[in-house]
Amino acid sequence: MALEVCTKAAVGVPDALGDCPFTQRVLLTLEEKKVPYKLHLIDVSNKPQWFMEANPEGKVPCVKFDGKWTPDSDVITQILEEKYPEPSLVTPPEGSNIFSSFVKFLKSKDASDGSEQALVDELKALEDHLKEHGPYVNGENVSAVDLSLAPKLYHLVVALGHFKEWSIPKDLTYVNSYVELLFARESFLKTKPEKKEYVIAGWAPKVNG
């Protein structure tokens, strides 16, 4: 039986999959584990009543396990790993601040505040790790850390490219190869936002606000 998954709909396009990286992490996990699922697209600016009754916090992503709706991508991916252990996606703790560094730099209005360098330092740490252990974070096989990082890196590439005309430095060759590898996976192509514009629309209020 297919698992029911509540996901964010695209801003202004309620019948299209939206730009939430945490939702995509869950969908990537389902795809990699070949677990059938059924999507419920939730317009987060106008959440349906049934959804709020089932999930009072109103958070997406949200998955129905054994008749009960469970939010939070960390919790969901952990349950999926327990219920569907093959293929194993278990990894050591992630410990990366790439996403928070990206958000800080994206929102920054001051070129001298160090936020760009902080992001580059995070990406350099990933570069050094991939150089030793790649092509994926845990070696030859894709793992939970990669599925968590892939949507965040997609948002980084799209949003910083659009709002700051910034891209991952070319000398970070392992990171750039890693990004290409992740974005080319079948599971990623099936679960990413249909258009880059949805990602841009999702970040616009935070950047311009």
N, C-alpha and C. Protein backbone atom coordinates (compact mmCIF):
# COMPACT_ATOMS: atom_id res chain seq x y z
N MET A 1 0.82 -1.19 0.00
CA MET A 1 0.00 0.00 0.00
C MET A 1 0.87 1.26 0.00
N ALA A 2 0.47 2.25 -0.77
CA ALA A 2 1.26 3.47 -0.88
C ALA A 2 1.19 4.30 0.40
N LEU A 3 2.33 4.85 0.79
CA LEU A 3 2.36 5.76 1.94
C LEU A 3 1.80 7.12 1.51
N GLU A 4 1.01 7.73 2.36
CA GLU A 4 0.49 9.07 2.05
C GLU A 4 1.47 10.12 2.55
N VAL A 5 1.79 11.07 1.68
CA VAL A 5 2.77 12.11 2.01
C VAL A 5 2.19 13.49 1.72
N CYS A 6 2.17 14.35 2.73
CA CYS A 6 1.76 15.75 2.52
C CYS A 6 3.01 16.57 2.22
N THR A 7 2.96 17.30 1.10
CA THR A 7 4.10 18.09 0.67
C THR A 7 3.67 19.51 0.34
N LYS A 8 4.63 20.40 0.32
CA LYS A 8 4.35 21.81 0.01
C LYS A 8 4.08 21.96 -1.48
N ALA A 9 2.98 22.62 -1.82
CA ALA A 9 2.71 22.96 -3.22
C ALA A 9 3.53 24.20 -3.60
N ALA A 10 3.75 24.39 -4.89
CA ALA A 10 4.51 25.55 -5.35
C ALA A 10 3.73 26.83 -5.04
N VAL A 11 4.46 27.90 -4.74
CA VAL A 11 3.84 29.19 -4.44
C VAL A 11 3.05 29.67 -5.65
N GLY A 12 1.75 29.86 -5.45
CA GLY A 12 0.89 30.34 -6.54
C GLY A 12 0.51 29.28 -7.56
N VAL A 13 1.02 28.05 -7.38
CA VAL A 13 0.69 26.95 -8.31
C VAL A 13 0.32 25.73 -7.46
N PRO A 14 -0.92 25.71 -6.92
CA PRO A 14 -1.27 24.70 -5.93
C PRO A 14 -1.29 23.26 -6.42
N ASP A 15 -1.25 23.04 -7.75
CA ASP A 15 -1.25 21.65 -8.24
C ASP A 15 0.14 21.20 -8.69
N ALA A 16 1.18 21.97 -8.32
CA ALA A 16 2.56 21.58 -8.67
C ALA A 16 3.38 21.39 -7.40
N LEU A 17 4.30 20.43 -7.44
CA LEU A 17 5.17 20.16 -6.30
C LEU A 17 6.04 21.38 -6.02
N GLY A 18 6.11 21.77 -4.75
CA GLY A 18 6.79 23.00 -4.39
C GLY A 18 8.27 22.85 -4.11
N ASP A 19 8.80 23.83 -3.38
CA ASP A 19 10.25 24.02 -3.29
C ASP A 19 10.84 23.67 -1.93
N CYS A 20 10.16 22.84 -1.13
CA CYS A 20 10.64 22.56 0.23
C CYS A 20 11.76 21.50 0.21
N PRO A 21 13.01 21.86 0.63
CA PRO A 21 14.10 20.88 0.57
C PRO A 21 13.91 19.72 1.55
N PHE A 22 13.18 19.97 2.64
CA PHE A 22 12.95 18.91 3.64
C PHE A 22 11.96 17.88 3.10
N THR A 23 10.95 18.38 2.35
CA THR A 23 10.02 17.48 1.67
C THR A 23 10.77 16.64 0.65
N GLN A 24 11.64 17.28 -0.14
CA GLN A 24 12.35 16.53 -1.18
C GLN A 24 13.25 15.46 -0.56
N ARG A 25 13.82 15.77 0.59
CA ARG A 25 14.65 14.76 1.28
C ARG A 25 13.83 13.50 1.56
N VAL A 26 12.59 13.69 2.02
CA VAL A 26 11.71 12.55 2.31
C VAL A 26 11.37 11.80 1.02
N LEU A 27 11.03 12.55 -0.04
CA LEU A 27 10.68 11.91 -1.32
C LEU A 27 11.88 11.17 -1.91
N LEU A 28 13.07 11.74 -1.77
CA LEU A 28 14.29 11.06 -2.25
C LEU A 28 14.48 9.74 -1.51
N THR A 29 14.25 9.75 -0.20
CA THR A 29 14.40 8.53 0.60
C THR A 29 13.41 7.46 0.13
N LEU A 30 12.17 7.88 -0.12
CA LEU A 30 11.15 6.94 -0.61
C LEU A 30 11.54 6.38 -1.99
N GLU A 31 12.03 7.26 -2.86
CA GLU A 31 12.44 6.82 -4.21
C GLU A 31 13.61 5.83 -4.13
N GLU A 32 14.62 6.17 -3.33
CA GLU A 32 15.81 5.31 -3.25
C GLU A 32 15.47 3.95 -2.64
N LYS A 33 14.48 3.92 -1.74
CA LYS A 33 14.07 2.66 -1.11
C LYS A 33 12.94 1.98 -1.89
N LYS A 34 12.52 2.60 -3.00
CA LYS A 34 11.47 2.03 -3.87
C LYS A 34 10.17 1.79 -3.10
N VAL A 35 9.83 2.74 -2.21
CA VAL A 35 8.58 2.65 -1.44
C VAL A 35 7.51 3.43 -2.19
N PRO A 36 6.37 2.80 -2.56
CA PRO A 36 5.32 3.55 -3.26
C PRO A 36 4.69 4.59 -2.35
N TYR A 37 4.36 5.74 -2.93
CA TYR A 37 3.76 6.81 -2.12
C TYR A 37 2.76 7.60 -2.95
N LYS A 38 1.86 8.27 -2.22
CA LYS A 38 0.84 9.10 -2.85
C LYS A 38 0.99 10.51 -2.28
N LEU A 39 1.06 11.51 -3.16
CA LEU A 39 1.27 12.88 -2.71
C LEU A 39 -0.03 13.63 -2.46
N HIS A 40 -0.03 14.41 -1.38
CA HIS A 40 -1.08 15.41 -1.16
C HIS A 40 -0.38 16.77 -1.20
N LEU A 41 -0.66 17.57 -2.22
CA LEU A 41 -0.03 18.89 -2.32
C LEU A 41 -0.78 19.88 -1.43
N ILE A 42 -0.05 20.50 -0.50
CA ILE A 42 -0.66 21.41 0.47
C ILE A 42 -0.27 22.85 0.14
N ASP A 43 -1.27 23.69 -0.08
CA ASP A 43 -1.02 25.12 -0.25
C ASP A 43 -0.78 25.69 1.14
N VAL A 44 0.49 26.01 1.46
CA VAL A 44 0.82 26.38 2.85
C VAL A 44 0.23 27.74 3.26
N SER A 45 -0.20 28.54 2.28
CA SER A 45 -0.83 29.82 2.62
C SER A 45 -2.34 29.64 2.84
N ASN A 46 -2.85 28.43 2.51
CA ASN A 46 -4.28 28.17 2.68
C ASN A 46 -4.46 26.68 2.96
N LYS A 47 -4.03 26.27 4.15
CA LYS A 47 -3.99 24.84 4.47
C LYS A 47 -5.41 24.28 4.65
N PRO A 48 -5.71 23.13 4.01
CA PRO A 48 -7.05 22.56 4.14
C PRO A 48 -7.35 22.11 5.58
N GLN A 49 -8.61 22.12 5.91
CA GLN A 49 -9.03 21.81 7.29
C GLN A 49 -8.64 20.39 7.69
N TRP A 50 -8.84 19.41 6.79
CA TRP A 50 -8.52 18.02 7.13
C TRP A 50 -7.04 17.87 7.50
N PHE A 51 -6.21 18.65 6.82
CA PHE A 51 -4.76 18.59 7.07
C PHE A 51 -4.44 19.14 8.46
N MET A 52 -5.07 20.27 8.82
CA MET A 52 -4.83 20.87 10.13
C MET A 52 -5.37 19.99 11.27
N GLU A 53 -6.49 19.27 10.98
CA GLU A 53 -7.03 18.35 11.99
C GLU A 53 -6.10 17.15 12.20
N ALA A 54 -5.53 16.67 11.10
CA ALA A 54 -4.64 15.51 11.16
C ALA A 54 -3.27 15.89 11.70
N ASN A 55 -2.89 17.13 11.50
CA ASN A 55 -1.53 17.58 11.79
C ASN A 55 -1.60 19.02 12.33
N PRO A 56 -2.00 19.18 13.61
CA PRO A 56 -2.31 20.51 14.16
C PRO A 56 -1.21 21.55 14.01
N GLU A 57 0.07 21.10 13.96
CA GLU A 57 1.16 22.07 13.79
C GLU A 57 1.21 22.60 12.35
N GLY A 58 0.55 21.87 11.44
CA GLY A 58 0.48 22.33 10.05
C GLY A 58 1.79 22.26 9.29
N LYS A 59 2.71 21.39 9.75
CA LYS A 59 4.04 21.34 9.12
C LYS A 59 4.08 20.34 7.96
N VAL A 60 4.83 20.69 6.92
CA VAL A 60 5.18 19.73 5.87
C VAL A 60 6.70 19.59 5.87
N PRO A 61 7.23 18.42 5.49
CA PRO A 61 6.51 17.23 5.07
C PRO A 61 5.86 16.51 6.25
N CYS A 62 4.90 15.65 5.90
CA CYS A 62 4.15 14.89 6.89
C CYS A 62 3.76 13.56 6.24
N VAL A 63 4.03 12.46 6.91
CA VAL A 63 3.77 11.13 6.33
C VAL A 63 2.87 10.34 7.27
N LYS A 64 1.95 9.58 6.68
CA LYS A 64 1.02 8.77 7.48
C LYS A 64 1.60 7.36 7.69
N PHE A 65 1.98 7.09 8.94
CA PHE A 65 2.48 5.76 9.31
C PHE A 65 1.46 5.11 10.25
N ASP A 66 0.98 3.92 9.88
CA ASP A 66 0.06 3.16 10.74
C ASP A 66 -1.12 4.02 11.21
N GLY A 67 -1.69 4.78 10.28
CA GLY A 67 -2.88 5.57 10.58
C GLY A 67 -2.63 6.89 11.29
N LYS A 68 -1.34 7.21 11.56
CA LYS A 68 -1.02 8.44 12.30
C LYS A 68 -0.08 9.32 11.46
N TRP A 69 -0.43 10.62 11.37
CA TRP A 69 0.41 11.55 10.60
C TRP A 69 1.63 11.96 11.43
N THR A 70 2.80 11.87 10.81
CA THR A 70 4.06 12.21 11.49
C THR A 70 4.78 13.30 10.70
N PRO A 71 5.03 14.48 11.33
CA PRO A 71 5.81 15.53 10.66
C PRO A 71 7.31 15.40 10.97
N ASP A 72 8.12 16.30 10.36
CA ASP A 72 9.56 16.43 10.63
C ASP A 72 10.39 15.43 9.80
N SER A 73 11.17 15.98 8.87
CA SER A 73 11.92 15.11 7.94
C SER A 73 12.93 14.23 8.68
N ASP A 74 13.52 14.73 9.79
CA ASP A 74 14.46 13.90 10.55
C ASP A 74 13.76 12.66 11.10
N VAL A 75 12.58 12.86 11.69
CA VAL A 75 11.81 11.75 12.27
C VAL A 75 11.33 10.81 11.17
N ILE A 76 10.80 11.39 10.10
CA ILE A 76 10.25 10.58 8.99
C ILE A 76 11.32 9.68 8.38
N THR A 77 12.49 10.25 8.08
CA THR A 77 13.54 9.44 7.43
C THR A 77 14.05 8.35 8.37
N GLN A 78 14.04 8.63 9.66
CA GLN A 78 14.45 7.61 10.65
C GLN A 78 13.45 6.44 10.65
N ILE A 79 12.15 6.77 10.64
CA ILE A 79 11.11 5.72 10.61
C ILE A 79 11.22 4.91 9.31
N LEU A 80 11.44 5.61 8.19
CA LEU A 80 11.57 4.91 6.90
C LEU A 80 12.75 3.93 6.94
N GLU A 81 13.84 4.35 7.58
CA GLU A 81 15.02 3.48 7.67
C GLU A 81 14.71 2.23 8.49
N GLU A 82 13.90 2.40 9.55
CA GLU A 82 13.54 1.25 10.39
C GLU A 82 12.55 0.33 9.67
N LYS A 83 11.56 0.92 9.00
CA LYS A 83 10.52 0.11 8.35
C LYS A 83 11.00 -0.52 7.04
N TYR A 84 11.89 0.18 6.35
CA TYR A 84 12.37 -0.30 5.03
C TYR A 84 13.90 -0.27 5.04
N PRO A 85 14.52 -1.25 5.72
CA PRO A 85 15.97 -1.19 5.92
C PRO A 85 16.81 -1.37 4.65
N GLU A 86 16.19 -1.85 3.57
CA GLU A 86 16.95 -2.06 2.33
C GLU A 86 16.52 -1.08 1.24
N PRO A 87 17.46 -0.46 0.50
CA PRO A 87 18.89 -0.42 0.81
C PRO A 87 19.15 0.47 2.01
N SER A 88 20.17 0.11 2.79
CA SER A 88 20.49 0.90 3.98
C SER A 88 21.01 2.28 3.59
N LEU A 89 20.46 3.30 4.24
CA LEU A 89 20.93 4.67 4.01
C LEU A 89 21.54 5.25 5.28
N VAL A 90 21.84 4.37 6.25
CA VAL A 90 22.37 4.82 7.53
C VAL A 90 23.75 5.44 7.33
N THR A 91 23.97 6.55 8.01
CA THR A 91 25.27 7.22 7.94
C THR A 91 25.63 7.81 9.28
N PRO A 92 26.90 8.18 9.45
CA PRO A 92 27.24 8.92 10.66
C PRO A 92 26.54 10.28 10.67
N PRO A 93 26.42 10.95 11.82
CA PRO A 93 25.74 12.25 11.87
C PRO A 93 26.34 13.22 10.86
N GLU A 94 25.49 14.07 10.32
CA GLU A 94 25.88 14.94 9.21
C GLU A 94 26.87 16.03 9.61
N GLY A 95 26.49 16.81 10.61
CA GLY A 95 27.40 17.82 11.14
C GLY A 95 27.81 18.90 10.16
N SER A 96 26.99 19.22 9.16
CA SER A 96 27.34 20.26 8.20
C SER A 96 26.45 21.47 8.41
N ASN A 97 27.05 22.66 8.30
CA ASN A 97 26.28 23.90 8.42
C ASN A 97 26.11 24.59 7.08
N ILE A 98 26.17 23.81 5.99
CA ILE A 98 26.09 24.41 4.66
C ILE A 98 24.77 25.16 4.48
N PHE A 99 23.66 24.55 4.90
CA PHE A 99 22.35 25.17 4.63
C PHE A 99 22.19 26.49 5.39
N SER A 100 22.54 26.48 6.68
CA SER A 100 22.39 27.71 7.46
C SER A 100 23.34 28.80 6.96
N SER A 101 24.55 28.40 6.51
CA SER A 101 25.50 29.38 5.96
C SER A 101 24.98 29.95 4.64
N PHE A 102 24.38 29.09 3.84
CA PHE A 102 23.78 29.55 2.56
C PHE A 102 22.68 30.57 2.82
N VAL A 103 21.78 30.26 3.78
CA VAL A 103 20.65 31.17 4.07
C VAL A 103 21.17 32.53 4.55
N LYS A 104 22.18 32.50 5.41
CA LYS A 104 22.74 33.75 5.94
C LYS A 104 23.33 34.59 4.80
N PHE A 105 24.08 33.96 3.92
CA PHE A 105 24.70 34.68 2.79
C PHE A 105 23.62 35.19 1.83
N LEU A 106 22.61 34.37 1.57
CA LEU A 106 21.53 34.75 0.66
C LEU A 106 20.81 36.01 1.15
N LYS A 107 20.57 36.06 2.46
CA LYS A 107 19.82 37.20 3.04
C LYS A 107 20.70 38.42 3.26
N SER A 108 22.02 38.24 3.23
CA SER A 108 22.95 39.31 3.58
C SER A 108 22.88 40.49 2.61
N LYS A 109 22.87 41.69 3.20
CA LYS A 109 22.90 42.91 2.38
C LYS A 109 24.27 43.59 2.47
N ASP A 110 25.16 43.00 3.27
CA ASP A 110 26.48 43.61 3.53
C ASP A 110 27.57 42.68 3.02
N ALA A 111 28.26 43.12 1.97
CA ALA A 111 29.27 42.26 1.33
C ALA A 111 30.46 41.98 2.24
N SER A 112 30.63 42.77 3.29
CA SER A 112 31.81 42.60 4.15
C SER A 112 31.48 41.90 5.47
N ASP A 113 30.31 41.25 5.56
CA ASP A 113 29.92 40.66 6.85
C ASP A 113 30.47 39.24 7.07
N GLY A 114 31.22 38.75 6.09
CA GLY A 114 31.85 37.44 6.26
C GLY A 114 30.96 36.25 5.94
N SER A 115 29.71 36.50 5.54
CA SER A 115 28.78 35.38 5.31
C SER A 115 29.18 34.57 4.07
N GLU A 116 29.72 35.24 3.05
CA GLU A 116 30.16 34.50 1.86
C GLU A 116 31.32 33.58 2.21
N GLN A 117 32.30 34.11 2.95
CA GLN A 117 33.46 33.30 3.34
C GLN A 117 33.05 32.12 4.21
N ALA A 118 32.07 32.35 5.10
CA ALA A 118 31.61 31.26 5.98
C ALA A 118 31.02 30.12 5.15
N LEU A 119 30.29 30.46 4.10
CA LEU A 119 29.73 29.43 3.22
C LEU A 119 30.84 28.71 2.46
N VAL A 120 31.80 29.48 1.94
CA VAL A 120 32.92 28.87 1.21
C VAL A 120 33.69 27.93 2.13
N ASP A 121 33.87 28.31 3.39
CA ASP A 121 34.59 27.44 4.35
C ASP A 121 33.84 26.12 4.55
N GLU A 122 32.50 26.20 4.65
CA GLU A 122 31.68 24.98 4.79
C GLU A 122 31.84 24.09 3.55
N LEU A 123 31.81 24.70 2.38
CA LEU A 123 31.95 23.94 1.13
C LEU A 123 33.36 23.35 1.01
N LYS A 124 34.36 24.08 1.52
CA LYS A 124 35.74 23.56 1.49
C LYS A 124 35.88 22.34 2.40
N ALA A 125 35.18 22.37 3.53
CA ALA A 125 35.21 21.21 4.44
C ALA A 125 34.59 20.00 3.75
N LEU A 126 33.49 20.24 3.00
CA LEU A 126 32.87 19.15 2.23
C LEU A 126 33.83 18.66 1.14
N GLU A 127 34.51 19.60 0.48
CA GLU A 127 35.50 19.27 -0.56
C GLU A 127 36.56 18.33 -0.01
N ASP A 128 37.11 18.68 1.17
CA ASP A 128 38.18 17.86 1.76
C ASP A 128 37.67 16.46 2.11
N HIS A 129 36.43 16.41 2.60
CA HIS A 129 35.84 15.11 2.97
C HIS A 129 35.64 14.25 1.71
N LEU A 130 35.08 14.85 0.66
CA LEU A 130 34.80 14.10 -0.57
C LEU A 130 36.09 13.63 -1.24
N LYS A 131 37.13 14.43 -1.12
CA LYS A 131 38.44 14.08 -1.70
C LYS A 131 38.94 12.77 -1.09
N GLU A 132 38.71 12.63 0.23
CA GLU A 132 39.16 11.44 0.97
C GLU A 132 38.20 10.26 0.82
N HIS A 133 36.90 10.56 0.86
CA HIS A 133 35.90 9.49 1.03
C HIS A 133 34.91 9.35 -0.12
N GLY A 134 34.95 10.24 -1.12
CA GLY A 134 33.92 10.32 -2.16
C GLY A 134 33.76 9.04 -2.97
N PRO A 135 32.89 9.08 -3.99
CA PRO A 135 32.23 10.27 -4.56
C PRO A 135 31.06 10.78 -3.71
N TYR A 136 30.42 9.89 -2.90
CA TYR A 136 29.36 10.35 -1.99
C TYR A 136 29.98 10.57 -0.61
N VAL A 137 29.22 11.14 0.31
CA VAL A 137 29.75 11.45 1.63
C VAL A 137 30.25 10.19 2.33
N ASN A 138 29.56 9.07 2.10
CA ASN A 138 29.91 7.83 2.79
C ASN A 138 30.64 6.84 1.88
N GLY A 139 31.16 7.33 0.75
CA GLY A 139 31.89 6.45 -0.16
C GLY A 139 31.15 6.20 -1.45
N GLU A 140 31.13 4.93 -1.86
CA GLU A 140 30.58 4.56 -3.17
C GLU A 140 29.06 4.65 -3.25
N ASN A 141 28.38 4.42 -2.11
CA ASN A 141 26.91 4.33 -2.14
C ASN A 141 26.25 5.57 -1.56
N VAL A 142 25.14 5.96 -2.17
CA VAL A 142 24.37 7.10 -1.67
C VAL A 142 23.81 6.78 -0.28
N SER A 143 23.72 7.80 0.57
CA SER A 143 23.26 7.58 1.94
C SER A 143 22.33 8.71 2.38
N ALA A 144 21.84 8.60 3.61
CA ALA A 144 20.90 9.60 4.13
C ALA A 144 21.48 11.01 4.13
N VAL A 145 22.78 11.13 4.39
CA VAL A 145 23.40 12.46 4.40
C VAL A 145 23.31 13.10 3.02
N ASP A 146 23.57 12.30 1.98
CA ASP A 146 23.48 12.83 0.61
C ASP A 146 22.05 13.27 0.28
N LEU A 147 21.08 12.48 0.73
CA LEU A 147 19.68 12.80 0.41
C LEU A 147 19.21 14.03 1.18
N SER A 148 19.85 14.31 2.32
CA SER A 148 19.56 15.53 3.06
C SER A 148 20.24 16.74 2.40
N LEU A 149 21.47 16.53 1.94
CA LEU A 149 22.24 17.63 1.34
C LEU A 149 21.78 17.99 -0.07
N ALA A 150 21.34 17.00 -0.85
CA ALA A 150 21.03 17.26 -2.27
C ALA A 150 20.02 18.39 -2.47
N PRO A 151 18.84 18.38 -1.79
CA PRO A 151 17.89 19.47 -2.00
C PRO A 151 18.42 20.81 -1.52
N LYS A 152 19.22 20.79 -0.43
CA LYS A 152 19.77 22.03 0.10
C LYS A 152 20.78 22.62 -0.89
N LEU A 153 21.59 21.76 -1.48
CA LEU A 153 22.55 22.23 -2.48
C LEU A 153 21.83 22.74 -3.72
N TYR A 154 20.70 22.13 -4.07
CA TYR A 154 19.92 22.60 -5.21
C TYR A 154 19.41 24.01 -4.95
N HIS A 155 18.88 24.23 -3.76
CA HIS A 155 18.41 25.57 -3.38
C HIS A 155 19.56 26.57 -3.40
N LEU A 156 20.70 26.14 -2.90
CA LEU A 156 21.90 27.00 -2.88
C LEU A 156 22.27 27.42 -4.31
N VAL A 157 22.36 26.45 -5.20
CA VAL A 157 22.76 26.73 -6.59
C VAL A 157 21.75 27.65 -7.28
N VAL A 158 20.46 27.32 -7.14
CA VAL A 158 19.42 28.09 -7.85
C VAL A 158 19.27 29.50 -7.25
N ALA A 159 19.14 29.57 -5.92
CA ALA A 159 18.85 30.86 -5.28
C ALA A 159 20.04 31.81 -5.35
N LEU A 160 21.23 31.31 -5.05
CA LEU A 160 22.40 32.20 -5.11
C LEU A 160 22.73 32.59 -6.55
N GLY A 161 22.49 31.68 -7.48
CA GLY A 161 22.69 32.02 -8.89
C GLY A 161 21.75 33.13 -9.32
N HIS A 162 20.51 33.08 -8.86
CA HIS A 162 19.50 34.06 -9.26
C HIS A 162 19.67 35.40 -8.54
N PHE A 163 19.77 35.34 -7.21
CA PHE A 163 19.75 36.58 -6.42
C PHE A 163 21.12 37.25 -6.29
N LYS A 164 22.19 36.46 -6.41
CA LYS A 164 23.53 37.04 -6.19
C LYS A 164 24.49 36.77 -7.36
N GLU A 165 23.99 36.09 -8.39
CA GLU A 165 24.87 35.70 -9.53
C GLU A 165 26.13 35.02 -9.00
N TRP A 166 25.93 34.15 -8.02
CA TRP A 166 27.03 33.47 -7.34
C TRP A 166 26.95 31.98 -7.65
N SER A 167 28.09 31.35 -7.81
CA SER A 167 28.09 29.89 -8.00
C SER A 167 29.22 29.27 -7.18
N ILE A 168 29.13 27.98 -6.96
CA ILE A 168 30.16 27.26 -6.19
C ILE A 168 31.51 27.46 -6.89
N PRO A 169 32.54 27.89 -6.15
CA PRO A 169 33.84 28.13 -6.78
C PRO A 169 34.31 26.91 -7.60
N LYS A 170 34.86 27.22 -8.79
CA LYS A 170 35.27 26.14 -9.72
C LYS A 170 36.40 25.28 -9.15
N ASP A 171 37.22 25.88 -8.25
CA ASP A 171 38.34 25.09 -7.72
C ASP A 171 37.88 24.02 -6.72
N LEU A 172 36.62 24.08 -6.30
CA LEU A 172 36.08 23.01 -5.45
C LEU A 172 35.57 21.90 -6.37
N THR A 173 36.51 21.21 -7.00
CA THR A 173 36.16 20.26 -8.08
C THR A 173 35.37 19.06 -7.55
N TYR A 174 35.68 18.61 -6.35
CA TYR A 174 34.97 17.44 -5.80
C TYR A 174 33.53 17.81 -5.44
N VAL A 175 33.33 19.01 -4.90
CA VAL A 175 31.98 19.46 -4.58
C VAL A 175 31.16 19.61 -5.86
N ASN A 176 31.76 20.23 -6.88
CA ASN A 176 31.04 20.41 -8.14
C ASN A 176 30.67 19.07 -8.78
N SER A 177 31.59 18.10 -8.71
CA SER A 177 31.29 16.76 -9.24
C SER A 177 30.18 16.09 -8.43
N TYR A 178 30.24 16.27 -7.12
CA TYR A 178 29.25 15.70 -6.20
C TYR A 178 27.86 16.26 -6.52
N VAL A 179 27.79 17.58 -6.72
CA VAL A 179 26.52 18.23 -7.05
C VAL A 179 25.96 17.66 -8.36
N GLU A 180 26.81 17.53 -9.37
CA GLU A 180 26.37 16.96 -10.66
C GLU A 180 25.85 15.53 -10.48
N LEU A 181 26.56 14.75 -9.67
CA LEU A 181 26.20 13.36 -9.42
C LEU A 181 24.83 13.27 -8.75
N LEU A 182 24.62 14.11 -7.72
CA LEU A 182 23.34 14.10 -7.00
C LEU A 182 22.19 14.54 -7.89
N PHE A 183 22.40 15.63 -8.62
CA PHE A 183 21.32 16.21 -9.44
C PHE A 183 20.95 15.31 -10.62
N ALA A 184 21.85 14.38 -10.97
CA ALA A 184 21.58 13.49 -12.11
C ALA A 184 20.91 12.18 -11.68
N ARG A 185 20.84 11.93 -10.37
CA ARG A 185 20.20 10.69 -9.91
C ARG A 185 18.73 10.68 -10.31
N GLU A 186 18.25 9.51 -10.68
CA GLU A 186 16.86 9.37 -11.12
C GLU A 186 15.90 9.85 -10.01
N SER A 187 16.22 9.49 -8.76
CA SER A 187 15.35 9.88 -7.64
C SER A 187 15.28 11.40 -7.51
N PHE A 188 16.39 12.08 -7.78
CA PHE A 188 16.41 13.55 -7.67
C PHE A 188 15.59 14.18 -8.80
N LEU A 189 15.77 13.68 -9.99
CA LEU A 189 15.05 14.23 -11.15
C LEU A 189 13.54 14.06 -10.97
N LYS A 190 13.13 12.98 -10.30
CA LYS A 190 11.69 12.71 -10.10
C LYS A 190 11.09 13.57 -9.00
N THR A 191 11.90 14.07 -8.06
CA THR A 191 11.36 14.72 -6.87
C THR A 191 11.68 16.21 -6.76
N LYS A 192 12.50 16.73 -7.65
CA LYS A 192 12.85 18.16 -7.52
C LYS A 192 11.67 19.04 -7.96
N PRO A 193 11.65 20.32 -7.53
CA PRO A 193 10.58 21.22 -7.98
C PRO A 193 10.52 21.24 -9.51
N GLU A 194 9.31 21.29 -10.07
CA GLU A 194 9.16 21.20 -11.52
C GLU A 194 9.91 22.32 -12.25
N LYS A 195 9.95 23.49 -11.64
CA LYS A 195 10.64 24.62 -12.27
C LYS A 195 11.52 25.32 -11.24
N LYS A 196 12.66 25.85 -11.71
CA LYS A 196 13.54 26.61 -10.82
C LYS A 196 12.81 27.84 -10.26
N GLU A 197 11.87 28.35 -11.05
CA GLU A 197 11.12 29.54 -10.62
C GLU A 197 10.40 29.32 -9.28
N TYR A 198 10.01 28.05 -9.01
CA TYR A 198 9.32 27.77 -7.75
C TYR A 198 10.27 27.97 -6.56
N VAL A 199 11.52 27.60 -6.76
CA VAL A 199 12.55 27.78 -5.71
C VAL A 199 12.78 29.28 -5.50
N ILE A 200 12.90 30.01 -6.62
CA ILE A 200 13.14 31.46 -6.54
C ILE A 200 11.97 32.16 -5.86
N ALA A 201 10.75 31.76 -6.22
CA ALA A 201 9.55 32.37 -5.60
C ALA A 201 9.49 32.07 -4.11
N GLY A 202 9.94 30.88 -3.73
CA GLY A 202 9.93 30.49 -2.32
C GLY A 202 10.89 31.34 -1.48
N TRP A 203 12.04 31.71 -2.07
CA TRP A 203 13.05 32.50 -1.32
C TRP A 203 12.83 33.99 -1.43
N ALA A 204 12.12 34.45 -2.47
CA ALA A 204 12.01 35.89 -2.73
C ALA A 204 11.58 36.72 -1.49
N PRO A 205 10.53 36.29 -0.74
CA PRO A 205 10.12 37.11 0.42
C PRO A 205 11.21 37.23 1.47
N LYS A 206 12.04 36.18 1.62
CA LYS A 206 13.09 36.20 2.64
C LYS A 206 14.25 37.09 2.19
N VAL A 207 14.50 37.12 0.88
CA VAL A 207 15.61 37.93 0.36
C VAL A 207 15.20 39.40 0.29
N ASN A 208 13.99 39.65 -0.15
CA ASN A 208 13.55 41.04 -0.36
C ASN A 208 12.92 41.66 0.88
N GLY A 209 12.64 40.80 1.89
CA GLY A 209 11.93 41.26 3.08
C GLY A 209 12.78 42.13 3.99
